[in-house]
Amino acid sequence: MGNIVLRDVNKSFGPVTIIPKINLEIENGEFVVFVGPSGCGKSTLLRLIAGLEDTTGGTIMIDGRDVTHEPPAKRQLAMVFQSYALYPHMTVAKNIAFPLKMAGESQEEIDKKVSNAARILNLANYLERRPGQLSGGQRQRVAIGRAIVRQPSAFLFDEPLSNLDAALRGTMRLEISELHQSLGKTMIYVTHDQVEAMTMADKIVVLNAGNIEQVGSPLDLYRAPKNRFVAGFIGSPTMNFVEGPEAGKHGAHTIGVRPEHFSVSTSPVEGGWKGTVGVAEHLGSDTFSHVETEGQGTINVRSSGEVAVSHGDTVWLSPHPERIYRFDPQGMAI
């Protein structure tokens, strides 16, 4: 259970097309991340799958069943939003149990499912508390618990960690990934944060202006981006792009080099790009340098924390030859 297929799915608001025709298959048990910049259509696509938006055209299949025109309640999907949407006057146990009560399940069955969800999410000691007595991460776990008890075919997450601080986001990423492993359910997760995408996904769907630019595993997209957009979006810090004569040497309109694919020298290197260090960020394990080069523009470099460079230093950057990406005038990989 949990196979989702989109065939020529599209969405328009009047004359404005938000999602052109999209074809996508999500296998049972996969953790799929929709990623892309703000306004790329990723949340709209998730809402189309959930049934919260009507499609303009195309077909949505869940486990071989056409659900294109079925209401959300009949799609066997559970959605977790950026907003926790918890009832403040209810305890954690009652919040988790709410969809089961609405479905008319017996109290015995409700207690069993709530207890199981609380155990999975480490909420057993908080069942009698109210949302106002919980941290942001605990509230998000309650929202996920409310989804778990419905025993859906798939879980849909719409930027669920956006309201959390950086440390808590990291913790919750791990918890959601572990939840996927333990439940074995299909999960579709929307985010604009490519770090979340890279660390959580089995498969990433990169969206741009409503179009799917590329689908693949995190390492597939990192190692073999199909175009300049994907190359620039996947990877942190982002890829450096160079045009002009330097790109021409490689038979390309544009070349791309990731920050981690440079050797840095404080002595002249034949063929190296000479530059002056602007800001150098020393983070212990890594050093991030912003280097103003002669002819290639500003280049961002990620190197070992042992590399001792500072503002004003002259350095020579040597891109690793086997890690130079080449793109044609249309931005497609060569």
Foldseek 3Di string as FASTA:
>chain_A
DAKKWWAQWWAADVPRTQAGGDTDIDDWLFEEEEAEDPSLCPVVVLCQQQQVDQTPDTFMDTPNHTCNPPHNVPQLEAEQELDLPFDQVAFLLCRLLVVVVVVVDDPVLSVVLSVVLCVLLVNPVRRGPGPVVDDLLVSSSSSVSSRVSSVGQEYEYEPNCPVDDPVSVVVVLVSVLVVSVVVSHHYYYYDNDLVSVLVRGQKYFYGGSNDGQDIHHLVCLQQPPFFQRSQQSRDPPGWAKFADPVLVVVVARIKTFRQAQKDKALDDDVPFFKWFWAAWDQDQQWIWTFTQTDRGGTDIHIDGSVDDDHGGRIMTIDGDVVRMWGAHPVGGTD
